Amino acid sequence: MTKLTKAGVYLRPNETSKSSLYKKQETKVTLKARNKGSIMGEEVQVFGFWASPYSHRVELALSLKGVPYEYIEEDILKNKSDLLLKYNPIHKKVPVFLHKGKPIVESIVILEYIEETWKVNPILPQNPYDKAIDRFWIKFIDDKCLPAVRKATFSPENERETAVEEACECLKMLESALNGKRFFGGDAIGMVDIAANFLTIWLRTIQEATGLEVLSVEKFPDLFKWTDDFISCSVVKESLPPTDKLLSFVKASLSQ
């Protein structure tokens, strides 16, 4: 991995010491080109945060399509860079995607742009009806499922029972979309799988930190198996944050 840092050494997540997790840092840059022989010279940059499932969505889509990109790690908690604020002045959030100097924000919008720009290894079906159905489930995940799961895991104790019931109802509906398939995309990872990435190591880590169980093999066997299959894919595994570091981060966030 080529290091392009202005100062110091860029540390990948599994190389970052525990004491440095919350220290104010300068923006760090590295070139991620797992497929150097594929599409070069595209001037692709991703502004992200190591613990963000939304950043991971974008990185995974690019990796699946073999698109090399420059990754810029943002300290979104304490020290957002001037470039991040310039390219996303409305939300001031990651991910921000730059292609030939033109910024795009919001992870699902970015995924749609990636799919339209690089046709290789499609992550949406080619059939218009199937594509519409996938887009429905992507919207369901972001608008209904993830907010319900977050509410269940972080709600006050007196509201938790109702919140967990609502989250389980959403997960039940999402599980039905698998319909016996290995992935939502069929035999290969598609955009619905990428959109649902929060339900894998991020939710597992939150459940471990809080002691609350929303998604389990007993409650949702097919959906739980999907999480195992998803994180077992080599291209996914390469870009996931280390679980021990993520657990420390979640515990520290909960204690604040």
C-alpha atoms as a PDB file:
ATOM      1  CA  MET A   1       0.000   0.000   0.000  1.00  0.00           C
ATOM      2  CA  THR A   2       1.501   3.324  -1.070  1.00  0.00           C
ATOM      3  CA  LYS A   3       1.739   5.940   1.694  1.00  0.00           C
ATOM      4  CA  LEU A   4       1.068   9.537   0.724  1.00  0.00           C
ATOM      5  CA  THR A   5       0.895  11.181   4.120  1.00  0.00           C
ATOM      6  CA  LYS A   6       2.086  14.762   4.567  1.00  0.00           C
ATOM      7  CA  ALA A   7       3.468  14.015   7.980  1.00  0.00           C
ATOM      8  CA  GLY A   8       3.966  10.855   9.971  1.00  0.00           C
ATOM      9  CA  VAL A   9       2.959   7.381   8.887  1.00  0.00           C
ATOM     10  CA  TYR A  10      -0.488   6.328   7.761  1.00  0.00           C
ATOM     11  CA  LEU A  11      -1.622   3.455   9.955  1.00  0.00           C
ATOM     12  CA  ARG A  12      -4.228   1.042   8.758  1.00  0.00           C
ATOM     13  CA  PRO A  13      -6.937   0.388  11.363  1.00  0.00           C
ATOM     14  CA  ASN A  14      -5.360  -2.818  12.661  1.00  0.00           C
ATOM     15  CA  GLU A  15      -2.058  -0.998  13.148  1.00  0.00           C
ATOM     16  CA  THR A  16      -3.471   1.868  15.207  1.00  0.00           C
ATOM     17  CA  SER A  17      -2.663   1.791  18.877  1.00  0.00           C
ATOM     18  CA  LYS A  18      -5.513   2.050  21.380  1.00  0.00           C
ATOM     19  CA  SER A  19      -4.162   5.305  22.798  1.00  0.00           C
ATOM     20  CA  SER A  20      -4.329   6.970  19.395  1.00  0.00           C
ATOM     21  CA  LEU A  21      -7.999   6.229  18.764  1.00  0.00           C
ATOM     22  CA  TYR A  22      -9.238   9.548  20.073  1.00  0.00           C
ATOM     23  CA  LYS A  23      -6.188  11.729  19.542  1.00  0.00           C
ATOM     24  CA  LYS A  24      -6.592  14.723  17.226  1.00  0.00           C
ATOM     25  CA  GLN A  25      -5.006  13.849  13.927  1.00  0.00           C
ATOM     26  CA  GLU A  26      -4.213  15.443  10.602  1.00  0.00           C
ATOM     27  CA  THR A  27      -6.023  14.135   7.558  1.00  0.00           C
ATOM     28  CA  LYS A  28      -4.180  11.070   6.277  1.00  0.00           C
ATOM     29  CA  VAL A  29      -4.085   9.876   2.713  1.00  0.00           C
ATOM     30  CA  THR A  30      -3.250   6.534   1.175  1.00  0.00           C
ATOM     31  CA  LEU A  31      -3.658   4.955  -2.231  1.00  0.00           C
ATOM     32  CA  LYS A  32      -5.806   1.844  -2.287  1.00  0.00           C
ATOM     33  CA  ALA A  33      -5.259  -0.011  -5.526  1.00  0.00           C
ATOM     34  CA  ARG A  34      -5.957  -3.663  -4.890  1.00  0.00           C
ATOM     35  CA  ASN A  35      -6.332  -4.188  -8.638  1.00  0.00           C
ATOM     36  CA  LYS A  36      -3.465  -2.203 -10.087  1.00  0.00           C
ATOM     37  CA  GLY A  37      -3.892  -3.673 -13.533  1.00  0.00           C
ATOM     38  CA  SER A  38      -7.488  -2.538 -13.898  1.00  0.00           C
ATOM     39  CA  ILE A  39      -8.917   0.951 -14.293  1.00  0.00           C
ATOM     40  CA  MET A  40      -6.110   3.439 -13.680  1.00  0.00           C
ATOM     41  CA  GLY A  41      -6.029   7.172 -14.156  1.00  0.00           C
ATOM     42  CA  GLU A  42      -9.635   7.645 -13.077  1.00  0.00           C
ATOM     43  CA  GLU A  43      -8.764  10.196 -10.362  1.00  0.00           C
ATOM     44  CA  VAL A  44     -11.051   8.620  -7.776  1.00  0.00           C
ATOM     45  CA  GLN A  45     -10.886   9.780  -4.157  1.00  0.00           C
ATOM     46  CA  VAL A  46     -12.892   8.714  -1.121  1.00  0.00           C
ATOM     47  CA  PHE A  47     -13.082  10.768   2.073  1.00  0.00           C
ATOM     48  CA  GLY A  48     -14.058   8.387   4.849  1.00  0.00           C
ATOM     49  CA  PHE A  49     -13.820   7.373   8.484  1.00  0.00           C
ATOM     50  CA  TRP A  50     -12.478   3.968   9.464  1.00  0.00           C
ATOM     51  CA  ALA A  51     -15.467   3.081  11.683  1.00  0.00           C
ATOM     52  CA  SER A  52     -18.182   4.285   9.303  1.00  0.00           C
ATOM     53  CA  PRO A  53     -20.322   1.630   7.601  1.00  0.00           C
ATOM     54  CA  TYR A  54     -21.284   4.307   5.079  1.00  0.00           C
ATOM     55  CA  SER A  55     -17.658   4.823   4.056  1.00  0.00           C
ATOM     56  CA  HIS A  56     -17.289   1.067   3.863  1.00  0.00           C
ATOM     57  CA  ARG A  57     -20.185   0.907   1.402  1.00  0.00           C
ATOM     58  CA  VAL A  58     -18.302   3.063  -1.069  1.00  0.00           C
ATOM     59  CA  GLU A  59     -14.955   1.309  -0.607  1.00  0.00           C
ATOM     60  CA  LEU A  60     -16.577  -2.092  -1.071  1.00  0.00           C
ATOM     61  CA  ALA A  61     -18.359  -1.080  -4.276  1.00  0.00           C
ATOM     62  CA  LEU A  62     -15.101   0.223  -5.746  1.00  0.00           C
ATOM     63  CA  SER A  63     -13.261  -2.939  -4.723  1.00  0.00           C
ATOM     64  CA  LEU A  64     -15.919  -5.183  -6.259  1.00  0.00           C
ATOM     65  CA  LYS A  65     -15.544  -3.307  -9.540  1.00  0.00           C
ATOM     66  CA  GLY A  66     -11.741  -3.227  -9.408  1.00  0.00           C
ATOM     67  CA  VAL A  67     -11.516   0.567  -9.357  1.00  0.00           C
ATOM     68  CA  PRO A  68      -8.350   1.906  -7.671  1.00  0.00           C
ATOM     69  CA  TYR A  69      -8.936   4.941  -5.480  1.00  0.00           C
ATOM     70  CA  GLU A  70      -7.205   7.333  -3.151  1.00  0.00           C
ATOM     71  CA  TYR A  71      -8.548   7.093   0.396  1.00  0.00           C
ATOM     72  CA  ILE A  72      -8.493  10.100   2.732  1.00  0.00           C
ATOM     73  CA  GLU A  73      -9.117   9.292   6.394  1.00  0.00           C
ATOM     74  CA  GLU A  74     -11.093  12.011   8.167  1.00  0.00           C
ATOM     75  CA  ASP A  75     -11.129  12.761  11.875  1.00  0.00           C
ATOM     76  CA  ILE A  76     -14.863  13.418  11.790  1.00  0.00           C
ATOM     77  CA  LEU A  77     -15.218  13.548  15.566  1.00  0.00           C
ATOM     78  CA  LYS A  78     -12.750  16.336  16.321  1.00  0.00           C
ATOM     79  CA  ASN A  79     -10.983  17.721  13.286  1.00  0.00           C
ATOM     80  CA  LYS A  80     -12.881  17.692   9.990  1.00  0.00           C
ATOM     81  CA  SER A  81     -10.625  18.782   7.170  1.00  0.00           C
ATOM     82  CA  ASP A  82     -11.137  21.900   5.096  1.00  0.00           C
ATOM     83  CA  LEU A  83     -11.516  19.686   2.029  1.00  0.00           C
ATOM     84  CA  LEU A  84     -14.345  17.699   3.620  1.00  0.00           C
ATOM     85  CA  LEU A  85     -16.174  20.926   4.528  1.00  0.00           C
ATOM     86  CA  LYS A  86     -15.561  22.255   1.039  1.00  0.00           C
ATOM     87  CA  TYR A  87     -16.880  19.185  -0.754  1.00  0.00           C
ATOM     88  CA  ASN A  88     -19.806  18.490   1.605  1.00  0.00           C
ATOM     89  CA  PRO A  89     -20.760  21.894   3.050  1.00  0.00           C
ATOM     90  CA  ILE A  90     -24.384  20.918   3.741  1.00  0.00           C
ATOM     91  CA  HIS A  91     -24.050  17.736   5.805  1.00  0.00           C
ATOM     92  CA  LYS A  92     -20.310  17.930   6.615  1.00  0.00           C
ATOM     93  CA  LYS A  93     -20.212  14.122   6.738  1.00  0.00           C
ATOM     94  CA  VAL A  94     -18.397  11.187   5.163  1.00  0.00           C
ATOM     95  CA  PRO A  95     -18.333   9.591   2.732  1.00  0.00           C
ATOM     96  CA  VAL A  96     -17.452  12.110   0.079  1.00  0.00           C
ATOM     97  CA  PHE A  97     -16.626  10.705  -3.349  1.00  0.00           C
ATOM     98  CA  LEU A  98     -14.529  12.635  -5.852  1.00  0.00           C
ATOM     99  CA  HIS A  99     -14.300  11.634  -9.500  1.00  0.00           C
ATOM    100  CA  LYS A 100     -12.111  13.846 -11.659  1.00  0.00           C
ATOM    101  CA  GLY A 101     -12.467  16.603  -9.083  1.00  0.00           C
ATOM    102  CA  LYS A 102     -16.283  16.497  -8.941  1.00  0.00           C
ATOM    103  CA  PRO A 103     -17.733  15.693  -5.501  1.00  0.00           C
ATOM    104  CA  ILE A 104     -20.693  13.410  -4.785  1.00  0.00           C
ATOM    105  CA  VAL A 105     -22.141  12.838  -1.306  1.00  0.00           C
ATOM    106  CA  GLU A 106     -24.531  10.369   0.375  1.00  0.00           C
ATOM    107  CA  SER A 107     -23.418   6.754   0.197  1.00  0.00           C
ATOM    108  CA  ILE A 108     -26.356   5.353  -1.812  1.00  0.00           C
ATOM    109  CA  VAL A 109     -26.144   8.187  -4.329  1.00  0.00           C
ATOM    110  CA  ILE A 110     -22.433   7.410  -4.642  1.00  0.00           C
ATOM    111  CA  LEU A 111     -23.153   3.704  -5.173  1.00  0.00           C
ATOM    112  CA  GLU A 112     -25.592   4.545  -7.962  1.00  0.00           C
ATOM    113  CA  TYR A 113     -22.954   6.768  -9.590  1.00  0.00           C
ATOM    114  CA  ILE A 114     -20.310   4.031  -9.336  1.00  0.00           C
ATOM    115  CA  GLU A 115     -22.722   1.532 -10.902  1.00  0.00           C
ATOM    116  CA  GLU A 116     -23.503   3.869 -13.793  1.00  0.00           C
ATOM    117  CA  THR A 117     -19.875   4.852 -14.392  1.00  0.00           C
ATOM    118  CA  TRP A 118     -18.170   1.462 -14.186  1.00  0.00           C
ATOM    119  CA  LYS A 119     -20.312  -1.217 -15.826  1.00  0.00           C
ATOM    120  CA  VAL A 120     -18.022  -4.133 -14.948  1.00  0.00           C
ATOM    121  CA  ASN A 121     -19.257  -6.462 -12.164  1.00  0.00           C
ATOM    122  CA  PRO A 122     -22.722  -4.876 -11.832  1.00  0.00           C
ATOM    123  CA  ILE A 123     -24.180  -4.510  -8.329  1.00  0.00           C
ATOM    124  CA  LEU A 124     -27.733  -3.869  -9.547  1.00  0.00           C
ATOM    125  CA  PRO A 125     -29.784  -6.219 -11.756  1.00  0.00           C
ATOM    126  CA  GLN A 126     -30.063  -5.407 -15.435  1.00  0.00           C
ATOM    127  CA  ASN A 127     -33.784  -6.189 -15.568  1.00  0.00           C
ATOM    128  CA  PRO A 128     -35.753  -2.956 -14.874  1.00  0.00           C
ATOM    129  CA  TYR A 129     -38.265  -4.646 -12.557  1.00  0.00           C
ATOM    130  CA  ASP A 130     -35.593  -6.443 -10.525  1.00  0.00           C
ATOM    131  CA  LYS A 131     -33.625  -3.199 -10.328  1.00  0.00           C
ATOM    132  CA  ALA A 132     -36.685  -1.379  -8.984  1.00  0.00           C
ATOM    133  CA  ILE A 133     -37.220  -4.080  -6.353  1.00  0.00           C
ATOM    134  CA  ASP A 134     -33.593  -3.799  -5.212  1.00  0.00           C
ATOM    135  CA  ARG A 135     -33.947  -0.023  -4.947  1.00  0.00           C
ATOM    136  CA  PHE A 136     -37.057  -0.525  -2.819  1.00  0.00           C
ATOM    137  CA  TRP A 137     -35.136  -2.684  -0.346  1.00  0.00           C
ATOM    138  CA  ILE A 138     -32.204  -0.257  -0.290  1.00  0.00           C
ATOM    139  CA  LYS A 139     -34.594   2.546   0.627  1.00  0.00           C
ATOM    140  CA  PHE A 140     -36.262   0.320   3.208  1.00  0.00           C
ATOM    141  CA  ILE A 141     -32.882  -0.404   4.813  1.00  0.00           C
ATOM    142  CA  ASP A 142     -31.899   3.248   5.104  1.00  0.00           C
ATOM    143  CA  ASP A 143     -35.318   4.726   5.899  1.00  0.00           C
ATOM    144  CA  LYS A 144     -36.833   2.037   8.125  1.00  0.00           C
ATOM    145  CA  CYS A 145     -34.519  -0.802   9.111  1.00  0.00           C
ATOM    146  CA  LEU A 146     -31.342   0.948  10.245  1.00  0.00           C
ATOM    147  CA  PRO A 147     -33.124   3.728  12.209  1.00  0.00           C
ATOM    148  CA  ALA A 148     -35.219   1.075  13.995  1.00  0.00           C
ATOM    149  CA  VAL A 149     -32.162  -1.041  14.846  1.00  0.00           C
ATOM    150  CA  ARG A 150     -30.250   1.985  16.128  1.00  0.00           C
ATOM    151  CA  LYS A 151     -33.217   3.064  18.233  1.00  0.00           C
ATOM    152  CA  ALA A 152     -33.450  -0.423  19.728  1.00  0.00           C
ATOM    153  CA  THR A 153     -29.778  -0.591  20.632  1.00  0.00           C
ATOM    154  CA  PHE A 154     -29.411   2.935  21.990  1.00  0.00           C
ATOM    155  CA  SER A 155     -32.857   3.760  23.423  1.00  0.00           C
ATOM    156  CA  PRO A 156     -33.446   4.332  27.176  1.00  0.00           C
ATOM    157  CA  GLU A 157     -34.387   1.228  29.125  1.00  0.00           C
ATOM    158  CA  ASN A 158     -38.029   2.293  29.566  1.00  0.00           C
ATOM    159  CA  GLU A 159     -38.434   2.549  25.767  1.00  0.00           C
ATOM    160  CA  ARG A 160     -36.323  -0.423  24.792  1.00  0.00           C
ATOM    161  CA  GLU A 161     -38.928  -3.197  24.669  1.00  0.00           C
ATOM    162  CA  THR A 162     -41.089  -1.362  22.139  1.00  0.00           C
ATOM    163  CA  ALA A 163     -38.036  -0.283  20.146  1.00  0.00           C
ATOM    164  CA  VAL A 164     -36.724  -3.864  19.977  1.00  0.00           C
ATOM    165  CA  GLU A 165     -40.118  -5.112  18.754  1.00  0.00           C
ATOM    166  CA  GLU A 166     -40.130  -2.505  15.980  1.00  0.00           C
ATOM    167  CA  ALA A 167     -36.563  -3.394  14.977  1.00  0.00           C
ATOM    168  CA  CYS A 168     -37.363  -7.108  14.898  1.00  0.00           C
ATOM    169  CA  GLU A 169     -40.371  -6.466  12.659  1.00  0.00           C
ATOM    170  CA  CYS A 170     -38.114  -4.595  10.220  1.00  0.00           C
ATOM    171  CA  LEU A 171     -35.491  -7.352  10.317  1.00  0.00           C
ATOM    172  CA  LYS A 172     -38.199  -9.951   9.695  1.00  0.00           C
ATOM    173  CA  MET A 173     -39.331  -8.100   6.577  1.00  0.00           C
ATOM    174  CA  LEU A 174     -35.742  -7.695   5.374  1.00  0.00           C
ATOM    175  CA  GLU A 175     -35.045 -11.394   5.944  1.00  0.00           C
ATOM    176  CA  SER A 176     -37.994 -12.232   3.678  1.00  0.00           C
ATOM    177  CA  ALA A 177     -36.181 -10.473   0.821  1.00  0.00           C
ATOM    178  CA  LEU A 178     -33.442 -13.111   0.920  1.00  0.00           C
ATOM    179  CA  ASN A 179     -36.002 -15.748  -0.104  1.00  0.00           C
ATOM    180  CA  GLY A 180     -33.529 -18.612   0.136  1.00  0.00           C
ATOM    181  CA  LYS A 181     -30.705 -16.788  -1.641  1.00  0.00           C
ATOM    182  CA  ARG A 182     -27.166 -16.581  -0.300  1.00  0.00           C
ATOM    183  CA  PHE A 183     -27.071 -12.824  -0.867  1.00  0.00           C
ATOM    184  CA  PHE A 184     -29.769 -10.278  -1.576  1.00  0.00           C
ATOM    185  CA  GLY A 185     -28.086  -9.999  -4.974  1.00  0.00           C
ATOM    186  CA  GLY A 186     -28.352 -13.763  -5.548  1.00  0.00           C
ATOM    187  CA  ASP A 187     -25.079 -15.674  -5.800  1.00  0.00           C
ATOM    188  CA  ALA A 188     -22.969 -12.512  -5.670  1.00  0.00           C
ATOM    189  CA  ILE A 189     -22.932  -9.416  -3.493  1.00  0.00           C
ATOM    190  CA  GLY A 190     -25.134  -6.636  -4.840  1.00  0.00           C
ATOM    191  CA  MET A 191     -26.134  -3.131  -3.814  1.00  0.00           C
ATOM    192  CA  VAL A 192     -28.743  -4.339  -1.306  1.00  0.00           C
ATOM    193  CA  ASP A 193     -26.052  -6.372   0.468  1.00  0.00           C
ATOM    194  CA  ILE A 194     -23.747  -3.368   0.511  1.00  0.00           C
ATOM    195  CA  ALA A 195     -26.516  -1.151   1.904  1.00  0.00           C
ATOM    196  CA  ALA A 196     -27.203  -3.667   4.688  1.00  0.00           C
ATOM    197  CA  ASN A 197     -23.563  -3.844   5.796  1.00  0.00           C
ATOM    198  CA  PHE A 198     -24.323  -2.182   9.161  1.00  0.00           C
ATOM    199  CA  LEU A 199     -26.117  -5.372  10.219  1.00  0.00           C
ATOM    200  CA  THR A 200     -22.847  -7.318  10.127  1.00  0.00           C
ATOM    201  CA  ILE A 201     -19.864  -6.473  12.337  1.00  0.00           C
ATOM    202  CA  TRP A 202     -21.186  -3.039  13.299  1.00  0.00           C
ATOM    203  CA  LEU A 203     -24.397  -4.381  14.846  1.00  0.00           C
ATOM    204  CA  ARG A 204     -22.605  -7.390  16.326  1.00  0.00           C
ATOM    205  CA  THR A 205     -20.116  -5.074  17.989  1.00  0.00           C
ATOM    206  CA  ILE A 206     -22.856  -2.807  19.352  1.00  0.00           C
ATOM    207  CA  GLN A 207     -24.718  -5.838  20.684  1.00  0.00           C
ATOM    208  CA  GLU A 208     -21.559  -7.052  22.406  1.00  0.00           C
ATOM    209  CA  ALA A 209     -20.939  -3.622  23.935  1.00  0.00           C
ATOM    210  CA  THR A 210     -24.525  -3.126  25.145  1.00  0.00           C
ATOM    211  CA  GLY A 211     -25.455  -6.699  26.000  1.00  0.00           C
ATOM    212  CA  LEU A 212     -28.623  -6.292  23.935  1.00  0.00           C
ATOM    213  CA  GLU A 213     -29.500  -8.900  21.314  1.00  0.00           C
ATOM    214  CA  VAL A 214     -31.567  -7.778  18.334  1.00  0.00           C
ATOM    215  CA  LEU A 215     -30.172  -9.908  15.512  1.00  0.00           C
ATOM    216  CA  SER A 216     -29.326 -13.501  16.410  1.00  0.00           C
ATOM    217  CA  VAL A 217     -29.240 -16.898  14.724  1.00  0.00           C
ATOM    218  CA  GLU A 218     -32.220 -18.006  16.839  1.00  0.00           C
ATOM    219  CA  LYS A 219     -34.422 -15.052  15.872  1.00  0.00           C
ATOM    220  CA  PHE A 220     -33.379 -14.640  12.242  1.00  0.00           C
ATOM    221  CA  PRO A 221     -31.483 -17.727  11.011  1.00  0.00           C
ATOM    222  CA  ASP A 222     -31.436 -16.757   7.321  1.00  0.00           C
ATOM    223  CA  LEU A 223     -30.440 -13.146   7.954  1.00  0.00           C
ATOM    224  CA  PHE A 224     -27.783 -14.184  10.461  1.00  0.00           C
ATOM    225  CA  LYS A 225     -26.350 -16.669   7.957  1.00  0.00           C
ATOM    226  CA  TRP A 226     -26.278 -13.838   5.410  1.00  0.00           C
ATOM    227  CA  THR A 227     -24.148 -11.752   7.803  1.00  0.00           C
ATOM    228  CA  ASP A 228     -21.685 -14.650   8.114  1.00  0.00           C
ATOM    229  CA  ASP A 229     -21.536 -15.178   4.353  1.00  0.00           C
ATOM    230  CA  PHE A 230     -21.111 -11.443   3.734  1.00  0.00           C
ATOM    231  CA  ILE A 231     -18.175 -10.891   6.101  1.00  0.00           C
ATOM    232  CA  SER A 232     -16.546 -14.151   4.957  1.00  0.00           C
ATOM    233  CA  CYS A 233     -16.087 -12.827   1.413  1.00  0.00           C
ATOM    234  CA  SER A 234     -12.438 -11.893   0.923  1.00  0.00           C
ATOM    235  CA  VAL A 235     -13.192  -8.560  -0.765  1.00  0.00           C
ATOM    236  CA  VAL A 236     -15.416  -7.586   2.190  1.00  0.00           C
ATOM    237  CA  LYS A 237     -12.988  -8.855   4.807  1.00  0.00           C
ATOM    238  CA  GLU A 238     -10.156  -6.746   3.384  1.00  0.00           C
ATOM    239  CA  SER A 239     -11.984  -3.486   4.022  1.00  0.00           C
ATOM    240  CA  LEU A 240     -13.670  -4.187   7.376  1.00  0.00           C
ATOM    241  CA  PRO A 241     -12.392  -2.389  10.471  1.00  0.00           C
ATOM    242  CA  PRO A 242     -10.742  -4.607  13.108  1.00  0.00           C
ATOM    243  CA  THR A 243     -13.382  -5.841  15.542  1.00  0.00           C
ATOM    244  CA  ASP A 244     -11.299  -5.174  18.664  1.00  0.00           C
ATOM    245  CA  LYS A 245     -10.687  -1.575  17.649  1.00  0.00           C
ATOM    246  CA  LEU A 246     -14.334  -1.119  16.689  1.00  0.00           C
ATOM    247  CA  LEU A 247     -15.449  -2.525  20.058  1.00  0.00           C
ATOM    248  CA  SER A 248     -13.182  -0.084  21.907  1.00  0.00           C
ATOM    249  CA  PHE A 249     -14.565   2.752  19.809  1.00  0.00           C
ATOM    250  CA  VAL A 250     -18.197   1.777  20.476  1.00  0.00           C
ATOM    251  CA  LYS A 251     -17.614   1.393  24.214  1.00  0.00           C
ATOM    252  CA  ALA A 252     -15.918   4.780  24.366  1.00  0.00           C
ATOM    253  CA  SER A 253     -18.799   6.354  22.433  1.00  0.00           C
ATOM    254  CA  LEU A 254     -21.385   4.817  24.767  1.00  0.00           C
ATOM    255  CA  SER A 255     -19.560   6.116  27.840  1.00  0.00           C
ATOM    256  CA  GLN A 256     -19.658   9.732  26.663  1.00  0.00           C
END
